Amino acid sequence: STFALGADWVNSARGFMFAVGCIQA
């Protein structure tokens, strides 16, 4: 959906933080 609005690439931090174990404390 981000590509659909004009982006050429995306940066993702939150998903990888979740994968590491972040619980958003």
mmCIF file of all heavy atoms, coordinates in Angstrom:
data_MODEL
# 
_entry.id   MODEL 
# 
loop_
_atom_site.group_PDB 
_atom_site.id 
_atom_site.type_symbol 
_atom_site.label_atom_id 
_atom_site.label_alt_id 
_atom_site.label_comp_id 
_atom_site.label_asym_id 
_atom_site.label_entity_id 
_atom_site.label_seq_id 
_atom_site.pdbx_PDB_ins_code 
_atom_site.Cartn_x 
_atom_site.Cartn_y 
_atom_site.Cartn_z 
_atom_site.occupancy 
_atom_site.B_iso_or_equiv 
_atom_site.pdbx_formal_charge 
_atom_site.auth_seq_id 
_atom_site.auth_comp_id 
_atom_site.auth_asym_id 
_atom_site.auth_atom_id 
_atom_site.pdbx_PDB_model_num 
ATOM 1   N N   . SER A 1 1  ? 0.824  -1.208  0.000  1.00 0.00 ? 1  SER A N   1 
ATOM 2   C CA  . SER A 1 1  ? 0.000  0.000   0.000  1.00 0.00 ? 1  SER A CA  1 
ATOM 3   C C   . SER A 1 1  ? 0.858  1.258   0.000  1.00 0.00 ? 1  SER A C   1 
ATOM 4   O O   . SER A 1 1  ? 0.462  2.299   -0.536 1.00 0.00 ? 1  SER A O   1 
ATOM 5   C CB  . SER A 1 1  ? -0.945 -0.004  1.205  1.00 0.00 ? 1  SER A CB  1 
ATOM 6   O OG  . SER A 1 1  ? -0.225 -0.053  2.420  1.00 0.00 ? 1  SER A OG  1 
ATOM 7   N N   . THR A 1 2  ? 2.046  1.187   0.588  1.00 0.00 ? 2  THR A N   1 
ATOM 8   C CA  . THR A 1 2  ? 2.956  2.337   0.580  1.00 0.00 ? 2  THR A CA  1 
ATOM 9   C C   . THR A 1 2  ? 3.532  2.556   -0.810 1.00 0.00 ? 2  THR A C   1 
ATOM 10  O O   . THR A 1 2  ? 3.666  3.693   -1.269 1.00 0.00 ? 2  THR A O   1 
ATOM 11  C CB  . THR A 1 2  ? 4.093  2.128   1.608  1.00 0.00 ? 2  THR A CB  1 
ATOM 12  O OG1 . THR A 1 2  ? 3.520  1.860   2.892  1.00 0.00 ? 2  THR A OG1 1 
ATOM 13  C CG2 . THR A 1 2  ? 4.962  3.369   1.708  1.00 0.00 ? 2  THR A CG2 1 
ATOM 14  N N   . PHE A 1 3  ? 3.848  1.465   -1.510 1.00 0.00 ? 3  PHE A N   1 
ATOM 15  C CA  . PHE A 1 3  ? 4.291  1.588   -2.900 1.00 0.00 ? 3  PHE A CA  1 
ATOM 16  C C   . PHE A 1 3  ? 3.205  2.223   -3.761 1.00 0.00 ? 3  PHE A C   1 
ATOM 17  O O   . PHE A 1 3  ? 3.493  3.026   -4.652 1.00 0.00 ? 3  PHE A O   1 
ATOM 18  C CB  . PHE A 1 3  ? 4.647  0.213   -3.474 1.00 0.00 ? 3  PHE A CB  1 
ATOM 19  C CG  . PHE A 1 3  ? 5.952  -0.341  -2.971 1.00 0.00 ? 3  PHE A CG  1 
ATOM 20  C CD1 . PHE A 1 3  ? 6.201  -1.702  -3.016 1.00 0.00 ? 3  PHE A CD1 1 
ATOM 21  C CD2 . PHE A 1 3  ? 6.933  0.486   -2.456 1.00 0.00 ? 3  PHE A CD2 1 
ATOM 22  C CE1 . PHE A 1 3  ? 7.406  -2.223  -2.556 1.00 0.00 ? 3  PHE A CE1 1 
ATOM 23  C CE2 . PHE A 1 3  ? 8.135  -0.022  -1.993 1.00 0.00 ? 3  PHE A CE2 1 
ATOM 24  C CZ  . PHE A 1 3  ? 8.371  -1.383  -2.042 1.00 0.00 ? 3  PHE A CZ  1 
ATOM 25  N N   . ALA A 1 4  ? 1.956  1.869   -3.491 1.00 0.00 ? 4  ALA A N   1 
ATOM 26  C CA  . ALA A 1 4  ? 0.841  2.381   -4.294 1.00 0.00 ? 4  ALA A CA  1 
ATOM 27  C C   . ALA A 1 4  ? 0.719  3.896   -4.203 1.00 0.00 ? 4  ALA A C   1 
ATOM 28  O O   . ALA A 1 4  ? 0.191  4.544   -5.111 1.00 0.00 ? 4  ALA A O   1 
ATOM 29  C CB  . ALA A 1 4  ? -0.467 1.724   -3.848 1.00 0.00 ? 4  ALA A CB  1 
ATOM 30  N N   . LEU A 1 5  ? 1.202  4.473   -3.109 1.00 0.00 ? 5  LEU A N   1 
ATOM 31  C CA  . LEU A 1 5  ? 1.099  5.920   -2.911 1.00 0.00 ? 5  LEU A CA  1 
ATOM 32  C C   . LEU A 1 5  ? 2.335  6.677   -3.380 1.00 0.00 ? 5  LEU A C   1 
ATOM 33  O O   . LEU A 1 5  ? 2.416  7.886   -3.216 1.00 0.00 ? 5  LEU A O   1 
ATOM 34  C CB  . LEU A 1 5  ? 0.827  6.219   -1.434 1.00 0.00 ? 5  LEU A CB  1 
ATOM 35  C CG  . LEU A 1 5  ? -0.547 5.784   -0.930 1.00 0.00 ? 5  LEU A CG  1 
ATOM 36  C CD1 . LEU A 1 5  ? -0.653 5.988   0.573  1.00 0.00 ? 5  LEU A CD1 1 
ATOM 37  C CD2 . LEU A 1 5  ? -1.649 6.569   -1.642 1.00 0.00 ? 5  LEU A CD2 1 
ATOM 38  N N   . GLY A 1 6  ? 3.321  5.958   -3.935 1.00 0.00 ? 6  GLY A N   1 
ATOM 39  C CA  . GLY A 1 6  ? 4.445  6.665   -4.537 1.00 0.00 ? 6  GLY A CA  1 
ATOM 40  C C   . GLY A 1 6  ? 5.822  6.327   -4.024 1.00 0.00 ? 6  GLY A C   1 
ATOM 41  O O   . GLY A 1 6  ? 6.810  6.886   -4.512 1.00 0.00 ? 6  GLY A O   1 
ATOM 42  N N   . ALA A 1 7  ? 5.948  5.442   -3.044 1.00 0.00 ? 7  ALA A N   1 
ATOM 43  C CA  . ALA A 1 7  ? 7.274  5.119   -2.510 1.00 0.00 ? 7  ALA A CA  1 
ATOM 44  C C   . ALA A 1 7  ? 8.048  4.208   -3.460 1.00 0.00 ? 7  ALA A C   1 
ATOM 45  O O   . ALA A 1 7  ? 7.459  3.368   -4.152 1.00 0.00 ? 7  ALA A O   1 
ATOM 46  C CB  . ALA A 1 7  ? 7.145  4.445   -1.146 1.00 0.00 ? 7  ALA A CB  1 
ATOM 47  N N   . ASP A 1 8  ? 9.365  4.376   -3.482 1.00 0.00 ? 8  ASP A N   1 
ATOM 48  C CA  . ASP A 1 8  ? 10.244 3.486   -4.243 1.00 0.00 ? 8  ASP A CA  1 
ATOM 49  C C   . ASP A 1 8  ? 10.766 2.358   -3.366 1.00 0.00 ? 8  ASP A C   1 
ATOM 50  O O   . ASP A 1 8  ? 11.127 1.301   -3.868 1.00 0.00 ? 8  ASP A O   1 
ATOM 51  C CB  . ASP A 1 8  ? 11.422 4.267   -4.821 1.00 0.00 ? 8  ASP A CB  1 
ATOM 52  C CG  . ASP A 1 8  ? 10.988 5.258   -5.886 1.00 0.00 ? 8  ASP A CG  1 
ATOM 53  O OD1 . ASP A 1 8  ? 10.412 4.822   -6.893 1.00 0.00 ? 8  ASP A OD1 1 
ATOM 54  O OD2 . ASP A 1 8  ? 11.209 6.465   -5.696 1.00 0.00 ? 8  ASP A OD2 1 
ATOM 55  N N   . TRP A 1 9  ? 10.871 2.626   -2.061 1.00 0.00 ? 9  TRP A N   1 
ATOM 56  C CA  . TRP A 1 9  ? 11.256 1.582   -1.117 1.00 0.00 ? 9  TRP A CA  1 
ATOM 57  C C   . TRP A 1 9  ? 10.693 1.939   0.247  1.00 0.00 ? 9  TRP A C   1 
ATOM 58  O O   . TRP A 1 9  ? 10.231 3.065   0.463  1.00 0.00 ? 9  TRP A O   1 
ATOM 59  C CB  . TRP A 1 9  ? 12.774 1.389   -1.082 1.00 0.00 ? 9  TRP A CB  1 
ATOM 60  C CG  . TRP A 1 9  ? 13.529 2.295   -0.146 1.00 0.00 ? 9  TRP A CG  1 
ATOM 61  C CD1 . TRP A 1 9  ? 13.743 2.127   1.191  1.00 0.00 ? 9  TRP A CD1 1 
ATOM 62  C CD2 . TRP A 1 9  ? 14.188 3.523   -0.484 1.00 0.00 ? 9  TRP A CD2 1 
ATOM 63  N NE1 . TRP A 1 9  ? 14.492 3.160   1.710  1.00 0.00 ? 9  TRP A NE1 1 
ATOM 64  C CE2 . TRP A 1 9  ? 14.777 4.035   0.697  1.00 0.00 ? 9  TRP A CE2 1 
ATOM 65  C CE3 . TRP A 1 9  ? 14.337 4.242   -1.668 1.00 0.00 ? 9  TRP A CE3 1 
ATOM 66  C CZ2 . TRP A 1 9  ? 15.496 5.227   0.723  1.00 0.00 ? 9  TRP A CZ2 1 
ATOM 67  C CZ3 . TRP A 1 9  ? 15.062 5.427   -1.643 1.00 0.00 ? 9  TRP A CZ3 1 
ATOM 68  C CH2 . TRP A 1 9  ? 15.628 5.905   -0.455 1.00 0.00 ? 9  TRP A CH2 1 
ATOM 69  N N   . VAL A 1 10 ? 10.731 0.983   1.159  1.00 0.00 ? 10 VAL A N   1 
ATOM 70  C CA  . VAL A 1 10 ? 10.261 1.245   2.515  1.00 0.00 ? 10 VAL A CA  1 
ATOM 71  C C   . VAL A 1 10 ? 11.347 0.879   3.526  1.00 0.00 ? 10 VAL A C   1 
ATOM 72  O O   . VAL A 1 10 ? 12.177 0.012   3.280  1.00 0.00 ? 10 VAL A O   1 
ATOM 73  C CB  . VAL A 1 10 ? 8.974  0.449   2.855  1.00 0.00 ? 10 VAL A CB  1 
ATOM 74  C CG1 . VAL A 1 10 ? 7.844  0.818   1.918  1.00 0.00 ? 10 VAL A CG1 1 
ATOM 75  C CG2 . VAL A 1 10 ? 9.226  -1.053  2.827  1.00 0.00 ? 10 VAL A CG2 1 
ATOM 76  N N   . ASN A 1 11 ? 11.340 1.572   4.637  1.00 0.00 ? 11 ASN A N   1 
ATOM 77  C CA  . ASN A 1 11 ? 12.176 1.225   5.787  1.00 0.00 ? 11 ASN A CA  1 
ATOM 78  C C   . ASN A 1 11 ? 11.269 0.652   6.862  1.00 0.00 ? 11 ASN A C   1 
ATOM 79  O O   . ASN A 1 11 ? 10.185 1.192   7.112  1.00 0.00 ? 11 ASN A O   1 
ATOM 80  C CB  . ASN A 1 11 ? 12.888 2.466   6.341  1.00 0.00 ? 11 ASN A CB  1 
ATOM 81  C CG  . ASN A 1 11 ? 13.882 3.060   5.360  1.00 0.00 ? 11 ASN A CG  1 
ATOM 82  O OD1 . ASN A 1 11 ? 14.343 2.380   4.451  1.00 0.00 ? 11 ASN A OD1 1 
ATOM 83  N ND2 . ASN A 1 11 ? 14.212 4.322   5.544  1.00 0.00 ? 11 ASN A ND2 1 
ATOM 84  N N   . SER A 1 12 ? 11.688 -0.414  7.470  1.00 0.00 ? 12 SER A N   1 
ATOM 85  C CA  . SER A 1 12 ? 10.891 -1.021  8.531  1.00 0.00 ? 12 SER A CA  1 
ATOM 86  C C   . SER A 1 12 ? 11.769 -1.272  9.746  1.00 0.00 ? 12 SER A C   1 
ATOM 87  O O   . SER A 1 12 ? 12.794 -1.931  9.647  1.00 0.00 ? 12 SER A O   1 
ATOM 88  C CB  . SER A 1 12 ? 10.272 -2.341  8.053  1.00 0.00 ? 12 SER A CB  1 
ATOM 89  O OG  . SER A 1 12 ? 9.566  -2.967  9.106  1.00 0.00 ? 12 SER A OG  1 
ATOM 90  N N   . ALA A 1 13 ? 11.370 -0.729  10.877 1.00 0.00 ? 13 ALA A N   1 
ATOM 91  C CA  . ALA A 1 13 ? 12.086 -0.969  12.133 1.00 0.00 ? 13 ALA A CA  1 
ATOM 92  C C   . ALA A 1 13 ? 11.221 -1.752  13.105 1.00 0.00 ? 13 ALA A C   1 
ATOM 93  O O   . ALA A 1 13 ? 11.662 -2.716  13.723 1.00 0.00 ? 13 ALA A O   1 
ATOM 94  C CB  . ALA A 1 13 ? 12.514 0.356   12.758 1.00 0.00 ? 13 ALA A CB  1 
ATOM 95  N N   . ARG A 1 14 ? 9.956  -1.346  13.214 1.00 0.00 ? 14 ARG A N   1 
ATOM 96  C CA  . ARG A 1 14 ? 9.075  -1.911  14.238 1.00 0.00 ? 14 ARG A CA  1 
ATOM 97  C C   . ARG A 1 14 ? 8.920  -3.428  14.108 1.00 0.00 ? 14 ARG A C   1 
ATOM 98  O O   . ARG A 1 14 ? 9.001  -4.159  15.093 1.00 0.00 ? 14 ARG A O   1 
ATOM 99  C CB  . ARG A 1 14 ? 7.704  -1.231  14.164 1.00 0.00 ? 14 ARG A CB  1 
ATOM 100 C CG  . ARG A 1 14 ? 6.803  -1.508  15.346 1.00 0.00 ? 14 ARG A CG  1 
ATOM 101 C CD  . ARG A 1 14 ? 5.559  -0.647  15.253 1.00 0.00 ? 14 ARG A CD  1 
ATOM 102 N NE  . ARG A 1 14 ? 5.894  0.758   15.137 1.00 0.00 ? 14 ARG A NE  1 
ATOM 103 C CZ  . ARG A 1 14 ? 5.569  1.675   16.040 1.00 0.00 ? 14 ARG A CZ  1 
ATOM 104 N NH1 . ARG A 1 14 ? 4.917  1.313   17.125 1.00 0.00 ? 14 ARG A NH1 1 
ATOM 105 N NH2 . ARG A 1 14 ? 5.883  2.937   15.864 1.00 0.00 ? 14 ARG A NH2 1 
ATOM 106 N N   . GLY A 1 15 ? 8.705  -3.913  12.884 1.00 0.00 ? 15 GLY A N   1 
ATOM 107 C CA  . GLY A 1 15 ? 8.525  -5.348  12.685 1.00 0.00 ? 15 GLY A CA  1 
ATOM 108 C C   . GLY A 1 15 ? 9.738  -6.142  13.137 1.00 0.00 ? 15 GLY A C   1 
ATOM 109 O O   . GLY A 1 15 ? 9.609  -7.202  13.765 1.00 0.00 ? 15 GLY A O   1 
ATOM 110 N N   . PHE A 1 16 ? 10.921 -5.630  12.828 1.00 0.00 ? 16 PHE A N   1 
ATOM 111 C CA  . PHE A 1 16 ? 12.142 -6.320  13.231 1.00 0.00 ? 16 PHE A CA  1 
ATOM 112 C C   . PHE A 1 16 ? 12.349 -6.235  14.739 1.00 0.00 ? 16 PHE A C   1 
ATOM 113 O O   . PHE A 1 16 ? 12.869 -7.163  15.361 1.00 0.00 ? 16 PHE A O   1 
ATOM 114 C CB  . PHE A 1 16 ? 13.340 -5.745  12.480 1.00 0.00 ? 16 PHE A CB  1 
ATOM 115 C CG  . PHE A 1 16 ? 13.341 -6.108  11.015 1.00 0.00 ? 16 PHE A CG  1 
ATOM 116 C CD1 . PHE A 1 16 ? 12.829 -5.237  10.068 1.00 0.00 ? 16 PHE A CD1 1 
ATOM 117 C CD2 . PHE A 1 16 ? 13.828 -7.333  10.592 1.00 0.00 ? 16 PHE A CD2 1 
ATOM 118 C CE1 . PHE A 1 16 ? 12.808 -5.580  8.727  1.00 0.00 ? 16 PHE A CE1 1 
ATOM 119 C CE2 . PHE A 1 16 ? 13.813 -7.691  9.253  1.00 0.00 ? 16 PHE A CE2 1 
ATOM 120 C CZ  . PHE A 1 16 ? 13.297 -6.811  8.319  1.00 0.00 ? 16 PHE A CZ  1 
ATOM 121 N N   . MET A 1 17 ? 11.922 -5.118  15.330 1.00 0.00 ? 17 MET A N   1 
ATOM 122 C CA  . MET A 1 17 ? 11.984 -5.002  16.789 1.00 0.00 ? 17 MET A CA  1 
ATOM 123 C C   . MET A 1 17 ? 11.088 -6.066  17.433 1.00 0.00 ? 17 MET A C   1 
ATOM 124 O O   . MET A 1 17 ? 11.460 -6.701  18.428 1.00 0.00 ? 17 MET A O   1 
ATOM 125 C CB  . MET A 1 17 ? 11.546 -3.610  17.230 1.00 0.00 ? 17 MET A CB  1 
ATOM 126 C CG  . MET A 1 17 ? 12.509 -2.497  16.864 1.00 0.00 ? 17 MET A CG  1 
ATOM 127 S SD  . MET A 1 17 ? 14.020 -2.524  17.829 1.00 0.00 ? 17 MET A SD  1 
ATOM 128 C CE  . MET A 1 17 ? 13.431 -1.901  19.393 1.00 0.00 ? 17 MET A CE  1 
ATOM 129 N N   . PHE A 1 18 ? 9.901  -6.248  16.863 1.00 0.00 ? 18 PHE A N   1 
ATOM 130 C CA  . PHE A 1 18 ? 8.999  -7.290  17.374 1.00 0.00 ? 18 PHE A CA  1 
ATOM 131 C C   . PHE A 1 18 ? 9.651  -8.662  17.266 1.00 0.00 ? 18 PHE A C   1 
ATOM 132 O O   . PHE A 1 18 ? 9.562  -9.488  18.181 1.00 0.00 ? 18 PHE A O   1 
ATOM 133 C CB  . PHE A 1 18 ? 7.679  -7.294  16.597 1.00 0.00 ? 18 PHE A CB  1 
ATOM 134 C CG  . PHE A 1 18 ? 6.797  -6.100  16.850 1.00 0.00 ? 18 PHE A CG  1 
ATOM 135 C CD1 . PHE A 1 18 ? 5.762  -5.803  15.988 1.00 0.00 ? 18 PHE A CD1 1 
ATOM 136 C CD2 . PHE A 1 18 ? 7.003  -5.279  17.946 1.00 0.00 ? 18 PHE A CD2 1 
ATOM 137 C CE1 . PHE A 1 18 ? 4.929  -4.716  16.220 1.00 0.00 ? 18 PHE A CE1 1 
ATOM 138 C CE2 . PHE A 1 18 ? 6.183  -4.184  18.187 1.00 0.00 ? 18 PHE A CE2 1 
ATOM 139 C CZ  . PHE A 1 18 ? 5.146  -3.897  17.313 1.00 0.00 ? 18 PHE A CZ  1 
ATOM 140 N N   . ALA A 1 19 ? 10.315 -8.903  16.120 1.00 0.00 ? 19 ALA A N   1 
ATOM 141 C CA  . ALA A 1 19 ? 10.957 -10.200 15.900 1.00 0.00 ? 19 ALA A CA  1 
ATOM 142 C C   . ALA A 1 19 ? 12.070 -10.448 16.918 1.00 0.00 ? 19 ALA A C   1 
ATOM 143 O O   . ALA A 1 19 ? 12.309 -11.582 17.323 1.00 0.00 ? 19 ALA A O   1 
ATOM 144 C CB  . ALA A 1 19 ? 11.508 -10.277 14.473 1.00 0.00 ? 19 ALA A CB  1 
ATOM 145 N N   . VAL A 1 20 ? 12.744 -9.369  17.335 1.00 0.00 ? 20 VAL A N   1 
ATOM 146 C CA  . VAL A 1 20 ? 13.805 -9.489  18.333 1.00 0.00 ? 20 VAL A CA  1 
ATOM 147 C C   . VAL A 1 20 ? 13.220 -9.734  19.721 1.00 0.00 ? 20 VAL A C   1 
ATOM 148 O O   . VAL A 1 20 ? 13.859 -10.354 20.572 1.00 0.00 ? 20 VAL A O   1 
ATOM 149 C CB  . VAL A 1 20 ? 14.691 -8.227  18.330 1.00 0.00 ? 20 VAL A CB  1 
ATOM 150 C CG1 . VAL A 1 20 ? 15.657 -8.223  19.499 1.00 0.00 ? 20 VAL A CG1 1 
ATOM 151 C CG2 . VAL A 1 20 ? 15.479 -8.140  17.036 1.00 0.00 ? 20 VAL A CG2 1 
ATOM 152 N N   . GLY A 1 21 ? 11.993 -9.245  19.938 1.00 0.00 ? 21 GLY A N   1 
ATOM 153 C CA  . GLY A 1 21 ? 11.362 -9.468  21.234 1.00 0.00 ? 21 GLY A CA  1 
ATOM 154 C C   . GLY A 1 21 ? 10.782 -8.241  21.900 1.00 0.00 ? 21 GLY A C   1 
ATOM 155 O O   . GLY A 1 21 ? 10.304 -8.304  23.038 1.00 0.00 ? 21 GLY A O   1 
ATOM 156 N N   . CYS A 1 22 ? 10.798 -7.089  21.218 1.00 0.00 ? 22 CYS A N   1 
ATOM 157 C CA  . CYS A 1 22 ? 10.234 -5.860  21.778 1.00 0.00 ? 22 CYS A CA  1 
ATOM 158 C C   . CYS A 1 22 ? 8.747  -6.039  22.072 1.00 0.00 ? 22 CYS A C   1 
ATOM 159 O O   . CYS A 1 22 ? 7.996  -6.575  21.258 1.00 0.00 ? 22 CYS A O   1 
ATOM 160 C CB  . CYS A 1 22 ? 10.427 -4.699  20.794 1.00 0.00 ? 22 CYS A CB  1 
ATOM 161 S SG  . CYS A 1 22 ? 9.597  -3.172  21.265 1.00 0.00 ? 22 CYS A SG  1 
ATOM 162 N N   . ILE A 1 23 ? 8.327  -5.603  23.269 1.00 0.00 ? 23 ILE A N   1 
ATOM 163 C CA  . ILE A 1 23 ? 6.910  -5.680  23.643 1.00 0.00 ? 23 ILE A CA  1 
ATOM 164 C C   . ILE A 1 23 ? 6.315  -4.277  23.790 1.00 0.00 ? 23 ILE A C   1 
ATOM 165 O O   . ILE A 1 23 ? 5.226  -4.113  24.350 1.00 0.00 ? 23 ILE A O   1 
ATOM 166 C CB  . ILE A 1 23 ? 6.712  -6.461  24.957 1.00 0.00 ? 23 ILE A CB  1 
ATOM 167 C CG1 . ILE A 1 23 ? 7.489  -5.791  26.095 1.00 0.00 ? 23 ILE A CG1 1 
ATOM 168 C CG2 . ILE A 1 23 ? 7.136  -7.925  24.773 1.00 0.00 ? 23 ILE A CG2 1 
ATOM 169 C CD1 . ILE A 1 23 ? 7.175  -6.396  27.469 1.00 0.00 ? 23 ILE A CD1 1 
ATOM 170 N N   . GLN A 1 24 ? 7.022  -3.260  23.282 1.00 0.00 ? 24 GLN A N   1 
ATOM 171 C CA  . GLN A 1 24 ? 6.581  -1.863  23.353 1.00 0.00 ? 24 GLN A CA  1 
ATOM 172 C C   . GLN A 1 24 ? 6.274  -1.439  24.792 1.00 0.00 ? 24 GLN A C   1 
ATOM 173 O O   . GLN A 1 24 ? 5.236  -0.838  25.072 1.00 0.00 ? 24 GLN A O   1 
ATOM 174 C CB  . GLN A 1 24 ? 5.367  -1.630  22.446 1.00 0.00 ? 24 GLN A CB  1 
ATOM 175 C CG  . GLN A 1 24 ? 5.674  -1.834  20.978 1.00 0.00 ? 24 GLN A CG  1 
ATOM 176 C CD  . GLN A 1 24 ? 4.608  -1.285  20.059 1.00 0.00 ? 24 GLN A CD  1 
ATOM 177 O OE1 . GLN A 1 24 ? 4.793  -0.290  19.381 1.00 0.00 ? 24 GLN A OE1 1 
ATOM 178 N NE2 . GLN A 1 24 ? 3.465  -1.947  20.029 1.00 0.00 ? 24 GLN A NE2 1 
ATOM 179 N N   . ALA A 1 25 ? 7.187  -1.751  25.688 1.00 0.00 ? 25 ALA A N   1 
ATOM 180 C CA  . ALA A 1 25 ? 7.016  -1.352  27.085 1.00 0.00 ? 25 ALA A CA  1 
ATOM 181 C C   . ALA A 1 25 ? 7.225  0.153   27.265 1.00 0.00 ? 25 ALA A C   1 
ATOM 182 O O   . ALA A 1 25 ? 6.874  0.702   28.303 1.00 0.00 ? 25 ALA A O   1 
ATOM 183 C CB  . ALA A 1 25 ? 8.017  -2.099  27.970 1.00 0.00 ? 25 ALA A CB  1 
# 
